[in-house]
């Protein structure tokens, strides 16, 4: 049994299809997403997802990737999620990350963007529909991927409450007499129920300051404590660790990232979801050498590097400061500040590096000029 919170069903409005597909894949869901375009000429199309993999798409007589990409370009419409049948066609074998990146690039080319860079902002938010059997952690992630203000109304047998999102961040939660993070975590742990997500905002006290990624990480940790979940390392050894981890949904991966051993952390830090990467660096057992290696990595999300740089104990370590300063993914303002703490040899290497931003290399040269030869 999955002990990562209850399963909910409900509706959401003004959502992008690309975000809906992404969250469904991250949550390892198996269902059909049926989409009806408001443009009669487009018709009705469907995405088939099996354990988080896009395996089929159909639109009239079009199937596979051709149908998948065409549906994602639609402007407005309605959607619903349906159970995946036992037998279904398999016309798509590329991973979902590749498919979504290609969809964004196709839209960018269609819009004639000057730099051709991928951006999901050009993909329409004009969809409304119902989602069944989904965890609240996945719903929060879905609405925080966008910058639209939202109110989430939640109902279960034991509670009713609201979660307020502004600019992609959870700012308030209320259930009964509880408010803030306590209310948020109580709703996250609720049994099955219903929700409605509305694209509007109302005045409320800001009771939550933490980033949504950290809220979900802490929420999963509290759920684990409440359900008596133990570390799964011994169970993982019975099967390839990589295979076992790949089968996990987002909430389960967060749990593993926060409780797993070094080998598990090494796998999960390479996961493309930044909330899972943040959970890895929140693991109390992570070592200083691991932190330094992550700070060097060019595959981790920028937010992970910010998290490392904000930890006084970690930046007190010279290897961590050097790694952050030399990593081109580190925000330049942080790299520039850390450069002043480096020795002359490392400053010289930084000053001629073509990987770091010019601002950082120039700062290294400036500092070299001030130091005695």
Protein backbone atom coordinates (compact mmCIF):
# COMPACT_ATOMS: atom_id res chain seq x y z
CA UNK A 1 0.00 0.00 0.00
CA UNK A 2 1.27 3.46 -0.89
CA UNK A 3 1.45 5.49 2.31
CA UNK A 4 2.01 8.90 0.75
CA UNK A 5 -1.38 10.40 1.46
CA UNK A 6 -4.91 9.90 0.19
CA UNK A 7 -6.23 9.82 -3.37
CA UNK A 8 -8.47 12.61 -4.57
CA UNK A 9 -10.62 13.48 -7.55
CA UNK A 10 -11.63 16.93 -8.73
CA UNK A 11 -11.54 19.70 -11.30
CA UNK A 12 -9.05 22.32 -12.38
CA UNK A 13 -9.40 25.26 -14.74
CA UNK A 14 -6.94 27.30 -16.81
CA UNK A 15 -4.26 24.64 -16.95
CA UNK A 16 -1.78 23.82 -19.71
CA UNK A 17 -1.95 20.35 -21.20
CA UNK A 18 1.83 20.13 -21.07
CA UNK A 19 1.78 20.65 -17.27
CA UNK A 20 -0.96 18.05 -16.89
CA UNK A 21 1.04 15.47 -18.85
CA UNK A 22 4.24 16.32 -16.95
CA UNK A 23 2.70 15.87 -13.50
CA UNK A 24 0.95 12.66 -14.59
CA UNK A 25 4.30 11.27 -15.73
CA UNK A 26 6.17 12.39 -12.60
CA UNK A 27 3.48 10.77 -10.45
CA UNK A 28 3.83 7.49 -12.42
CA UNK A 29 0.11 7.53 -13.20
CA UNK A 30 -1.70 5.14 -15.52
CA UNK A 31 -4.71 6.64 -17.26
CA UNK A 32 -6.09 8.12 -20.46
CA UNK A 33 -6.26 11.90 -20.79
CA UNK A 34 -9.13 12.57 -23.18
CA UNK A 35 -9.11 16.10 -24.63
CA UNK A 36 -11.93 17.89 -26.45
CA UNK A 37 -10.90 21.06 -28.29
CA UNK A 38 -13.25 24.03 -28.31
CA UNK A 39 -12.27 24.43 -31.95
CA UNK A 40 -14.69 22.01 -33.64
CA UNK A 41 -12.23 21.48 -36.50
CA UNK A 42 -9.69 19.96 -34.06
CA UNK A 43 -11.99 17.29 -32.70
CA UNK A 44 -11.16 14.93 -29.83
CA UNK A 45 -7.79 13.40 -28.98
CA UNK A 46 -6.34 11.19 -26.26
CA UNK A 47 -3.04 10.57 -24.48
CA UNK A 48 -2.38 7.11 -23.01
CA UNK A 49 -0.06 6.94 -19.99
CA UNK A 50 1.17 3.72 -18.44
CA UNK A 51 3.09 4.01 -15.14
CA UNK A 52 4.25 7.50 -16.03
CA UNK A 53 5.20 6.74 -19.63
CA UNK A 54 3.42 8.22 -22.64
CA UNK A 55 2.77 5.10 -24.70
CA UNK A 56 0.14 6.18 -27.21
CA UNK A 57 -1.75 9.17 -28.60
CA UNK A 58 -4.59 9.31 -31.09
CA UNK A 59 -6.42 12.06 -32.94
CA UNK A 60 -8.78 10.97 -35.68
CA UNK A 61 -6.71 8.86 -38.06
CA UNK A 62 -3.44 10.17 -36.60
CA UNK A 63 -1.59 8.17 -33.96
CA UNK A 64 1.69 8.23 -32.05
CA UNK A 65 3.92 11.28 -31.85
CA UNK A 66 2.11 13.05 -34.70
CA UNK A 67 -1.13 13.02 -32.70
CA UNK A 68 0.67 13.80 -29.41
CA UNK A 69 2.32 16.99 -30.69
CA UNK A 70 -0.77 18.22 -32.50
CA UNK A 71 -3.01 17.91 -29.44
CA UNK A 72 -0.50 19.81 -27.28
CA UNK A 73 -0.74 22.80 -29.63
CA UNK A 74 -4.48 23.24 -29.09
CA UNK A 75 -5.62 26.57 -27.66
CA UNK A 76 -8.62 25.77 -25.48
CA UNK A 77 -10.79 22.88 -24.46
CA UNK A 78 -11.83 20.37 -21.84
CA UNK A 79 -10.20 17.20 -20.59
CA UNK A 80 -10.96 14.24 -18.39
CA UNK A 81 -8.93 11.32 -17.10
CA UNK A 82 -10.22 7.81 -17.75
CA UNK A 83 -9.03 4.36 -16.58
CA UNK A 84 -6.39 2.74 -18.75
CA UNK A 85 -7.78 -0.48 -20.31
CA UNK A 86 -5.94 -3.78 -19.97
CA UNK A 87 -5.07 -3.78 -23.67
CA UNK A 88 -3.98 -0.64 -25.48
CA UNK A 89 -1.80 0.20 -28.48
CA UNK A 90 1.83 1.25 -28.00
CA UNK A 91 2.81 3.76 -30.68
CA UNK A 92 5.25 5.96 -28.71
CA UNK A 93 8.53 4.70 -27.28
CA UNK A 94 10.47 7.92 -26.54
CA UNK A 95 10.68 9.14 -22.94
CA UNK A 96 8.22 11.79 -21.85
CA UNK A 97 10.90 14.41 -21.10
CA UNK A 98 12.02 14.34 -24.73
CA UNK A 99 8.43 14.56 -25.96
CA UNK A 100 7.61 17.63 -23.86
CA UNK A 101 10.82 19.42 -24.79
CA UNK A 102 10.08 18.81 -28.46
CA UNK A 103 6.52 20.10 -28.02
CA UNK A 104 7.80 23.35 -26.51
CA UNK A 105 10.35 23.80 -29.30
CA UNK A 106 7.70 23.23 -31.93
CA UNK A 107 5.50 25.89 -30.33
CA UNK A 108 8.44 28.31 -30.11
CA UNK A 109 9.10 27.82 -33.82
CA UNK A 110 5.42 28.28 -34.59
CA UNK A 111 5.35 31.54 -32.63
CA UNK A 112 8.48 32.74 -34.44
CA UNK A 113 10.41 33.50 -31.25
CA UNK A 114 13.63 35.35 -31.95
CA UNK A 115 15.90 33.12 -29.91
CA UNK A 116 14.05 29.89 -30.58
CA UNK A 117 14.51 29.00 -26.92
CA UNK A 118 12.00 26.65 -25.36
CA UNK A 119 9.40 28.27 -23.12
CA UNK A 120 6.17 26.83 -21.84
CA UNK A 121 4.65 30.31 -21.59
CA UNK A 122 3.55 30.14 -25.23
CA UNK A 123 1.52 26.98 -24.63
CA UNK A 124 -2.12 27.72 -23.87
CA UNK A 125 -3.59 27.65 -20.38
CA UNK A 126 -7.10 27.41 -21.76
CA UNK A 127 -8.08 23.94 -20.51
CA UNK A 128 -10.46 22.83 -17.82
CA UNK A 129 -11.29 19.34 -16.70
CA UNK A 130 -11.38 16.58 -14.14
CA UNK A 131 -8.59 14.43 -12.68
CA UNK A 132 -9.25 11.20 -10.82
CA UNK A 133 -7.28 9.21 -8.25
CA UNK A 134 -4.44 11.68 -7.77
CA UNK A 135 -2.46 12.59 -4.65
CA UNK A 136 -2.64 16.11 -3.21
CA UNK A 137 1.15 16.35 -3.46
CA UNK A 138 0.81 15.96 -7.23
CA UNK A 139 -2.01 18.53 -7.37
CA UNK A 140 0.05 21.11 -5.46
CA UNK A 141 2.97 20.53 -7.80
CA UNK A 142 0.71 20.94 -10.85
CA UNK A 143 -0.67 24.32 -9.82
CA UNK A 144 2.68 25.64 -8.59
CA UNK A 145 4.27 24.99 -12.00
CA UNK A 146 2.36 28.04 -13.24
CA UNK A 147 2.18 31.65 -12.02
CA UNK A 148 -1.61 31.92 -11.94
CA UNK A 149 -3.24 32.66 -8.58
CA UNK A 150 -5.27 29.67 -7.41
CA UNK A 151 -7.56 28.57 -4.63
CA UNK A 152 -7.79 24.85 -3.91
CA UNK A 153 -10.94 23.76 -2.09
CA UNK A 154 -10.53 20.35 -0.43
CA UNK A 155 -13.16 18.09 1.11
CA UNK A 156 -12.85 14.69 2.74
CA UNK A 157 -14.85 12.74 5.29
CA UNK A 158 -12.88 14.32 8.13
CA UNK A 159 -12.13 17.87 6.99
CA UNK A 160 -12.74 20.74 4.62
CA UNK A 161 -10.19 23.40 3.82
CA UNK A 162 -8.53 25.70 1.32
CA UNK A 163 -5.01 26.20 0.00
CA UNK A 164 -4.13 29.57 -1.53
CA UNK A 165 -1.43 29.88 -4.21
CA UNK A 166 -0.02 33.18 -5.47
CA UNK A 167 2.59 33.50 -8.14
CA UNK A 168 3.35 29.79 -8.05
CA UNK A 169 3.89 29.64 -4.27
CA UNK A 170 1.64 28.40 -1.48
CA UNK A 171 0.92 31.41 0.74
CA UNK A 172 -1.93 30.27 3.02
CA UNK A 173 -3.81 27.17 4.12
CA UNK A 174 -6.87 26.89 6.36
CA UNK A 175 -8.86 23.96 7.73
CA UNK A 176 -11.08 24.40 10.75
CA UNK A 177 -9.21 26.40 13.39
CA UNK A 178 -5.83 25.51 11.90
CA UNK A 179 -3.94 27.85 9.57
CA UNK A 180 -0.55 27.93 7.85
CA UNK A 181 1.76 24.93 7.54
CA UNK A 182 -0.06 22.94 10.21
CA UNK A 183 -3.27 23.18 8.18
CA UNK A 184 -1.43 22.39 4.94
CA UNK A 185 0.14 19.22 6.35
CA UNK A 186 -3.16 18.06 7.87
CA UNK A 187 -4.88 18.33 4.48
CA UNK A 188 -1.98 16.57 2.78
CA UNK A 189 -2.49 13.60 5.11
CA UNK A 190 -6.27 13.42 4.58
CA UNK A 191 -7.95 10.28 3.32
CA UNK A 192 -9.56 10.17 -0.11
CA UNK A 193 -11.87 13.03 -1.04
CA UNK A 194 -12.53 15.70 -3.63
CA UNK A 195 -11.02 19.00 -4.67
CA UNK A 196 -11.76 21.95 -6.92
CA UNK A 197 -9.06 24.26 -8.22
CA UNK A 198 -10.16 27.75 -9.19
CA UNK A 199 -8.05 30.34 -10.99
CA UNK A 200 -8.78 33.26 -8.71
CA UNK A 201 -7.39 34.90 -5.62
CA UNK A 202 -8.91 36.43 -2.52
CA UNK A 203 -7.43 38.50 0.25
CA UNK A 204 -5.97 36.38 3.01
CA UNK A 205 -3.26 36.52 5.60
CA UNK A 206 0.08 35.15 4.40
CA UNK A 207 0.69 32.27 6.81
CA UNK A 208 3.19 30.25 4.76
CA UNK A 209 6.59 31.55 3.62
CA UNK A 210 8.36 28.31 2.69
CA UNK A 211 8.79 27.38 -0.98
CA UNK A 212 6.30 24.81 -2.22
CA UNK A 213 9.07 22.26 -2.87
CA UNK A 214 10.11 22.39 0.80
CA UNK A 215 6.49 22.12 1.92
CA UNK A 216 6.02 18.91 -0.04
CA UNK A 217 9.31 17.45 1.21
CA UNK A 218 8.33 18.14 4.81
CA UNK A 219 4.79 16.90 4.19
CA UNK A 220 6.04 13.55 2.90
CA UNK A 221 8.39 13.25 5.89
CA UNK A 222 5.52 13.83 8.32
CA UNK A 223 3.36 11.29 6.48
CA UNK A 224 6.13 8.73 6.82
CA UNK A 225 6.44 9.35 10.54
CA UNK A 226 2.70 9.08 11.07
CA UNK A 227 2.40 5.80 9.15
CA UNK A 228 5.52 4.21 10.66
CA UNK A 229 7.30 3.87 7.32
CA UNK A 230 10.85 2.53 7.66
CA UNK A 231 13.76 2.83 5.29
CA UNK A 232 13.46 0.56 2.27
CA UNK A 233 17.12 -0.12 1.65
CA UNK A 234 17.03 -3.87 2.46
CA UNK A 235 13.98 -4.33 0.23
CA UNK A 236 15.63 -2.42 -2.58
CA UNK A 237 18.58 -4.82 -2.66
CA UNK A 238 16.32 -7.69 -3.82
CA UNK A 239 15.99 -5.93 -7.16
CA UNK A 240 18.24 -3.57 -9.05
CA UNK A 241 18.26 -0.29 -7.12
CA UNK A 242 17.89 1.69 -10.31
CA UNK A 243 14.88 -0.35 -11.46
CA UNK A 244 13.22 -0.08 -8.07
CA UNK A 245 13.72 3.68 -7.85
CA UNK A 246 12.44 4.24 -11.39
CA UNK A 247 9.12 2.64 -10.46
CA UNK A 248 8.51 5.11 -7.64
CA UNK A 249 6.20 8.11 -7.97
CA UNK A 250 7.24 11.61 -6.87
CA UNK A 251 6.13 11.29 -3.25
CA UNK A 252 7.87 7.93 -2.88
CA UNK A 253 11.07 9.28 -4.43
CA UNK A 254 11.01 12.22 -2.00
CA UNK A 255 10.79 9.74 0.88
CA UNK A 256 13.72 7.71 -0.47
CA UNK A 257 15.77 10.86 -1.10
CA UNK A 258 15.33 11.95 2.51
CA UNK A 259 15.96 8.56 4.14
CA UNK A 260 18.06 6.59 1.67
CA UNK A 261 21.72 5.66 1.75
CA UNK A 262 24.53 7.14 -0.30
CA UNK A 263 23.88 4.93 -3.33
CA UNK A 264 20.20 5.87 -3.38
CA UNK A 265 21.02 9.58 -3.01
CA UNK A 266 23.47 9.28 -5.89
CA UNK A 267 20.71 8.01 -8.15
CA UNK A 268 18.03 10.46 -7.07
CA UNK A 269 20.19 13.59 -7.35
CA UNK A 270 20.17 12.89 -11.10
CA UNK A 271 16.36 12.89 -11.22
CA UNK A 272 15.06 15.71 -13.39
CA UNK A 273 12.54 16.87 -10.76
CA UNK A 274 14.05 19.62 -8.62
CA UNK A 275 11.89 18.79 -5.60
CA UNK A 276 13.51 15.34 -5.49
CA UNK A 277 16.98 16.88 -5.82
CA UNK A 278 16.15 19.26 -2.96
CA UNK A 279 15.01 16.29 -0.89
CA UNK A 280 18.43 14.66 -1.43
CA UNK A 281 20.28 17.66 0.02
CA UNK A 282 17.77 17.71 2.89
CA UNK A 283 18.76 14.16 3.88
CA UNK A 284 20.32 14.44 7.37
CA UNK A 285 22.84 11.72 6.52
CA UNK A 286 24.32 13.43 3.47
CA UNK A 287 28.09 13.82 3.76
CA UNK A 288 30.26 16.85 3.10
CA UNK A 289 31.93 15.13 0.16
CA UNK A 290 28.52 14.43 -1.40
CA UNK A 291 27.53 18.07 -1.01
CA UNK A 292 30.74 19.18 -2.69
CA UNK A 293 30.15 16.76 -5.58
CA UNK A 294 26.58 18.02 -6.01
CA UNK A 295 27.83 21.61 -5.96
CA UNK A 296 30.15 20.73 -8.86
CA UNK A 297 27.38 19.04 -10.87
CA UNK A 298 26.01 20.78 -13.95
CA UNK A 299 22.93 18.53 -13.96
CA UNK A 300 21.34 19.75 -10.72
CA UNK A 301 18.71 22.45 -10.61
CA UNK A 302 19.77 26.01 -9.83
CA UNK A 303 17.56 25.95 -6.72
CA UNK A 304 19.67 23.10 -5.30
CA UNK A 305 22.82 25.21 -5.68
CA UNK A 306 21.05 28.11 -3.96
CA UNK A 307 20.10 25.78 -1.11
CA UNK A 308 23.73 24.67 -0.67
CA UNK A 309 25.00 28.25 -0.81
CA UNK A 310 22.51 29.28 1.88
CA UNK A 311 23.82 26.71 4.37
CA UNK A 312 26.50 28.31 6.57
CA UNK A 313 28.05 24.99 7.55
CA UNK A 314 28.41 23.85 3.95
CA UNK A 315 29.85 27.12 2.57
CA UNK A 316 32.34 27.12 5.43
CA UNK A 317 33.98 24.22 3.56
CA UNK A 318 36.46 25.37 0.92
CA UNK A 319 35.71 22.52 -1.59
CA UNK A 320 32.03 23.51 -1.53
CA UNK A 321 32.78 27.21 -2.10
CA UNK A 322 35.13 26.37 -4.96
CA UNK A 323 32.59 24.02 -6.55
CA UNK A 324 29.82 26.61 -6.40
CA UNK A 325 32.02 29.40 -7.74
CA UNK A 326 33.18 27.26 -10.69
CA UNK A 327 29.78 25.81 -11.56
CA UNK A 328 28.23 27.69 -14.52
CA UNK A 329 24.74 26.83 -13.21
CA UNK A 330 25.32 28.69 -9.95
CA UNK A 331 23.60 32.12 -10.00
CA UNK A 332 26.35 34.65 -10.92
CA UNK A 333 25.67 36.79 -7.84
CA UNK A 334 26.52 33.81 -5.62
CA UNK A 335 29.60 32.80 -7.65
CA UNK A 336 30.90 36.37 -7.61
CA UNK A 337 30.54 36.59 -3.83
CA UNK A 338 32.27 33.25 -3.27
CA UNK A 339 35.14 34.12 -5.61
CA UNK A 340 36.50 36.53 -2.99
CA UNK A 341 37.09 33.55 -0.65
CA UNK A 342 39.22 31.53 -3.09
CA UNK A 343 43.00 31.21 -3.13
CA UNK A 344 45.12 32.70 -5.90
CA UNK A 345 45.56 29.45 -7.82
CA UNK A 346 41.82 28.79 -8.02
CA UNK A 347 41.11 32.42 -8.86
CA UNK A 348 43.54 32.16 -11.77
CA UNK A 349 41.72 29.08 -13.07
CA UNK A 350 38.38 30.84 -12.66
CA UNK A 351 39.59 33.96 -14.45
CA UNK A 352 40.37 32.03 -17.66
CA UNK A 353 37.45 29.61 -17.51
CA UNK A 354 35.15 29.73 -20.54
CA UNK A 355 32.45 27.81 -18.70
CA UNK A 356 31.55 30.41 -16.09
CA UNK A 357 29.66 33.64 -16.88
CA UNK A 358 31.80 36.60 -17.93
CA UNK A 359 30.74 38.44 -14.77
CA UNK A 360 32.36 35.76 -12.62
CA UNK A 361 35.56 35.51 -14.69
CA UNK A 362 35.92 39.31 -14.62
CA UNK A 363 35.50 39.33 -10.85
CA UNK A 364 38.22 36.69 -10.54
CA UNK A 365 40.55 38.83 -12.66
CA UNK A 366 39.73 41.88 -10.57
CA UNK A 367 40.53 40.04 -7.35
CA UNK A 368 43.79 38.71 -8.82
CA UNK A 369 44.82 42.28 -9.61
CA UNK A 370 44.28 43.29 -5.99
CA UNK A 371 46.28 40.40 -4.53
CA UNK A 372 50.05 40.57 -4.24
CA UNK A 373 51.83 38.35 -6.76
